[in-house]
Amino acid sequence: MNTGIATKVRHVHLSVFLKKSGSAWMLFASRTGRSKAHHLREFIERGLEDIEDYYLAAEVLARIRSGEEDAMKADDFWCDDVYR
């Protein structure tokens, strides 16, 4: 079935050289039975998600500070008796 939507997954290959060969992540990899590459890939992906979250939050904060967007006080948000 052709949906008309082209999807393409790209993989980027890279090499990483670390100063310490006895790093904690290497020990972690050996204890979990997963490869060092698996853990590095997971650390990078999570780190990228965290960085993206940071930049999105910074954009919202900038809009709040400039008056383009309003923020609600926590007390006002949680004022409903359902949450108490």
N, C-alpha and C. Protein backbone atom coordinates (compact mmCIF):
# COMPACT_ATOMS: atom_id res chain seq x y z
N MET A 1 0.85 -1.17 0.00
CA MET A 1 0.00 0.00 0.00
C MET A 1 0.89 1.23 0.00
N ASN A 2 0.67 2.13 -0.92
CA ASN A 2 1.44 3.36 -1.02
C ASN A 2 0.66 4.50 -0.38
N THR A 3 1.20 5.03 0.71
CA THR A 3 0.51 6.12 1.41
C THR A 3 0.88 7.48 0.84
N GLY A 4 1.86 7.52 -0.03
CA GLY A 4 2.30 8.80 -0.58
C GLY A 4 3.24 9.55 0.34
N ILE A 5 3.54 8.98 1.48
CA ILE A 5 4.44 9.60 2.44
C ILE A 5 5.77 8.88 2.39
N ALA A 6 6.79 9.62 2.09
CA ALA A 6 8.12 9.02 2.02
C ALA A 6 8.78 9.13 3.38
N THR A 7 9.21 8.02 3.90
CA THR A 7 9.93 8.03 5.17
C THR A 7 11.29 7.42 4.94
N LYS A 8 12.28 8.04 5.51
CA LYS A 8 13.63 7.54 5.34
C LYS A 8 14.35 7.68 6.68
N VAL A 9 14.86 6.60 7.16
CA VAL A 9 15.62 6.62 8.40
C VAL A 9 17.09 6.70 8.04
N ARG A 10 17.76 7.71 8.60
CA ARG A 10 19.19 7.85 8.35
C ARG A 10 19.94 7.55 9.63
N HIS A 11 20.98 6.82 9.48
CA HIS A 11 21.86 6.53 10.60
C HIS A 11 23.16 7.29 10.39
N VAL A 12 23.65 7.84 11.45
CA VAL A 12 24.93 8.55 11.39
C VAL A 12 25.93 7.70 12.15
N HIS A 13 27.02 7.39 11.51
CA HIS A 13 28.07 6.62 12.16
C HIS A 13 29.16 7.58 12.61
N LEU A 14 29.61 7.40 13.83
CA LEU A 14 30.71 8.22 14.29
C LEU A 14 31.59 7.44 15.23
N SER A 15 32.80 7.89 15.36
CA SER A 15 33.76 7.25 16.26
C SER A 15 33.98 8.17 17.44
N VAL A 16 34.11 7.56 18.60
CA VAL A 16 34.33 8.34 19.82
C VAL A 16 35.57 7.79 20.50
N PHE A 17 36.49 8.67 20.80
CA PHE A 17 37.70 8.29 21.52
C PHE A 17 37.66 8.95 22.89
N LEU A 18 37.71 8.14 23.93
CA LEU A 18 37.66 8.65 25.29
C LEU A 18 39.04 8.58 25.93
N LYS A 19 39.31 9.54 26.79
CA LYS A 19 40.63 9.59 27.42
C LYS A 19 40.86 8.43 28.37
N LYS A 20 39.83 8.07 29.12
CA LYS A 20 39.98 6.99 30.10
C LYS A 20 39.32 5.73 29.58
N SER A 21 40.10 4.68 29.46
CA SER A 21 39.51 3.43 28.98
C SER A 21 38.78 2.68 30.09
N GLY A 22 39.03 3.00 31.33
CA GLY A 22 38.38 2.31 32.44
C GLY A 22 37.22 3.09 33.00
N SER A 23 36.51 3.81 32.15
CA SER A 23 35.41 4.65 32.59
C SER A 23 34.29 3.84 33.22
N ALA A 24 33.50 4.51 34.01
CA ALA A 24 32.38 3.85 34.69
C ALA A 24 31.38 3.28 33.70
N TRP A 25 31.20 3.95 32.56
CA TRP A 25 30.23 3.44 31.59
C TRP A 25 30.68 2.12 30.99
N MET A 26 31.99 1.91 30.90
CA MET A 26 32.48 0.63 30.38
C MET A 26 32.19 -0.49 31.36
N LEU A 27 32.36 -0.20 32.64
CA LEU A 27 32.03 -1.18 33.67
C LEU A 27 30.53 -1.46 33.64
N PHE A 28 29.76 -0.40 33.49
CA PHE A 28 28.31 -0.54 33.41
C PHE A 28 27.92 -1.42 32.22
N ALA A 29 28.57 -1.20 31.09
CA ALA A 29 28.28 -2.00 29.90
C ALA A 29 28.57 -3.47 30.15
N SER A 30 29.68 -3.76 30.79
CA SER A 30 30.01 -5.17 31.04
C SER A 30 29.05 -5.80 32.04
N ARG A 31 28.58 -5.02 33.00
CA ARG A 31 27.63 -5.57 33.99
C ARG A 31 26.26 -5.82 33.39
N THR A 32 25.84 -5.00 32.45
CA THR A 32 24.51 -5.16 31.87
C THR A 32 24.47 -6.16 30.72
N GLY A 33 25.65 -6.49 30.19
CA GLY A 33 25.69 -7.42 29.07
C GLY A 33 25.39 -6.77 27.74
N ARG A 34 25.26 -5.45 27.73
CA ARG A 34 25.03 -4.72 26.48
C ARG A 34 26.34 -4.08 26.04
N SER A 35 26.42 -3.77 24.78
CA SER A 35 27.67 -3.23 24.25
C SER A 35 27.89 -1.79 24.70
N LYS A 36 29.15 -1.39 24.65
CA LYS A 36 29.50 0.01 24.95
C LYS A 36 28.82 0.92 23.94
N ALA A 37 28.77 0.49 22.69
CA ALA A 37 28.14 1.30 21.65
C ALA A 37 26.66 1.51 21.95
N HIS A 38 25.99 0.45 22.45
CA HIS A 38 24.58 0.58 22.81
C HIS A 38 24.39 1.66 23.86
N HIS A 39 25.20 1.62 24.91
CA HIS A 39 25.06 2.60 25.99
C HIS A 39 25.43 4.01 25.54
N LEU A 40 26.47 4.14 24.75
CA LEU A 40 26.84 5.46 24.24
C LEU A 40 25.72 6.04 23.38
N ARG A 41 25.15 5.20 22.53
CA ARG A 41 24.04 5.65 21.68
C ARG A 41 22.88 6.11 22.55
N GLU A 42 22.56 5.36 23.59
CA GLU A 42 21.45 5.72 24.48
C GLU A 42 21.76 7.03 25.23
N PHE A 43 22.99 7.17 25.72
CA PHE A 43 23.37 8.40 26.42
C PHE A 43 23.26 9.61 25.49
N ILE A 44 23.71 9.46 24.26
CA ILE A 44 23.65 10.57 23.30
C ILE A 44 22.21 10.92 22.98
N GLU A 45 21.38 9.91 22.70
CA GLU A 45 19.98 10.17 22.36
C GLU A 45 19.26 10.86 23.50
N ARG A 46 19.45 10.38 24.72
CA ARG A 46 18.81 11.01 25.88
C ARG A 46 19.33 12.42 26.09
N GLY A 47 20.62 12.59 25.88
CA GLY A 47 21.21 13.92 26.04
C GLY A 47 20.63 14.90 25.03
N LEU A 48 20.44 14.44 23.79
CA LEU A 48 19.86 15.30 22.77
C LEU A 48 18.42 15.67 23.12
N GLU A 49 17.67 14.72 23.66
CA GLU A 49 16.30 15.01 24.10
C GLU A 49 16.31 16.05 25.22
N ASP A 50 17.24 15.92 26.16
CA ASP A 50 17.34 16.88 27.25
C ASP A 50 17.69 18.27 26.75
N ILE A 51 18.60 18.33 25.78
CA ILE A 51 18.99 19.62 25.22
C ILE A 51 17.81 20.25 24.49
N GLU A 52 17.06 19.44 23.74
CA GLU A 52 15.89 19.96 23.04
C GLU A 52 14.87 20.50 24.05
N ASP A 53 14.62 19.76 25.14
CA ASP A 53 13.70 20.22 26.18
C ASP A 53 14.16 21.55 26.77
N TYR A 54 15.46 21.68 27.00
CA TYR A 54 16.02 22.90 27.56
C TYR A 54 15.74 24.09 26.65
N TYR A 55 16.02 23.93 25.34
CA TYR A 55 15.82 25.03 24.41
C TYR A 55 14.35 25.39 24.26
N LEU A 56 13.47 24.40 24.26
CA LEU A 56 12.04 24.68 24.20
C LEU A 56 11.58 25.46 25.43
N ALA A 57 12.07 25.05 26.60
CA ALA A 57 11.72 25.75 27.84
C ALA A 57 12.28 27.16 27.84
N ALA A 58 13.49 27.34 27.32
CA ALA A 58 14.09 28.67 27.25
C ALA A 58 13.28 29.59 26.34
N GLU A 59 12.75 29.04 25.24
CA GLU A 59 11.91 29.84 24.34
C GLU A 59 10.63 30.28 25.04
N VAL A 60 10.00 29.38 25.78
CA VAL A 60 8.78 29.73 26.51
C VAL A 60 9.08 30.78 27.57
N LEU A 61 10.18 30.60 28.30
CA LEU A 61 10.56 31.57 29.32
C LEU A 61 10.79 32.95 28.71
N ALA A 62 11.42 33.00 27.54
CA ALA A 62 11.65 34.28 26.86
C ALA A 62 10.33 34.94 26.49
N ARG A 63 9.35 34.13 26.03
CA ARG A 63 8.03 34.70 25.70
C ARG A 63 7.31 35.20 26.94
N ILE A 64 7.45 34.49 28.05
CA ILE A 64 6.82 34.93 29.30
C ILE A 64 7.45 36.24 29.76
N ARG A 65 8.77 36.30 29.74
CA ARG A 65 9.46 37.52 30.18
C ARG A 65 9.15 38.72 29.28
N SER A 66 8.93 38.47 27.99
CA SER A 66 8.64 39.58 27.07
C SER A 66 7.17 39.97 27.08
N GLY A 67 6.34 39.20 27.80
CA GLY A 67 4.92 39.50 27.87
C GLY A 67 4.09 38.89 26.76
N GLU A 68 4.71 38.11 25.87
CA GLU A 68 3.99 37.46 24.78
C GLU A 68 3.14 36.29 25.26
N GLU A 69 3.50 35.75 26.40
CA GLU A 69 2.81 34.57 26.92
C GLU A 69 2.66 34.73 28.43
N ASP A 70 1.53 34.23 28.95
CA ASP A 70 1.28 34.33 30.38
C ASP A 70 1.65 33.02 31.07
N ALA A 71 1.95 33.13 32.34
CA ALA A 71 2.21 31.95 33.17
C ALA A 71 1.20 31.94 34.31
N MET A 72 0.92 30.76 34.78
CA MET A 72 -0.03 30.61 35.88
C MET A 72 0.74 30.25 37.14
N LYS A 73 0.36 30.85 38.26
CA LYS A 73 0.98 30.51 39.53
C LYS A 73 0.56 29.09 39.92
N ALA A 74 1.47 28.39 40.56
CA ALA A 74 1.19 27.00 40.97
C ALA A 74 -0.02 26.93 41.89
N ASP A 75 -0.15 27.88 42.81
CA ASP A 75 -1.30 27.88 43.73
C ASP A 75 -2.62 28.01 42.96
N ASP A 76 -2.63 28.82 41.91
CA ASP A 76 -3.84 28.96 41.10
C ASP A 76 -4.14 27.69 40.32
N PHE A 77 -3.10 27.04 39.84
CA PHE A 77 -3.28 25.80 39.09
C PHE A 77 -3.84 24.69 39.97
N TRP A 78 -3.32 24.58 41.19
CA TRP A 78 -3.71 23.49 42.10
C TRP A 78 -4.86 23.86 43.02
N CYS A 79 -5.60 24.93 42.72
CA CYS A 79 -6.65 25.40 43.64
C CYS A 79 -7.86 24.49 43.69
N ASP A 80 -8.08 23.66 42.69
CA ASP A 80 -9.24 22.76 42.65
C ASP A 80 -9.14 21.76 43.79
N ASP A 81 -10.25 21.47 44.45
CA ASP A 81 -10.27 20.55 45.60
C ASP A 81 -9.88 19.12 45.19
N VAL A 82 -9.97 18.78 43.93
CA VAL A 82 -9.60 17.44 43.47
C VAL A 82 -8.13 17.18 43.75
N TYR A 83 -7.31 18.22 43.68
CA TYR A 83 -5.87 18.05 43.84
C TYR A 83 -5.40 18.24 45.28
N ARG A 84 -6.25 18.53 46.19
CA ARG A 84 -5.86 18.75 47.59
C ARG A 84 -6.13 17.55 48.43
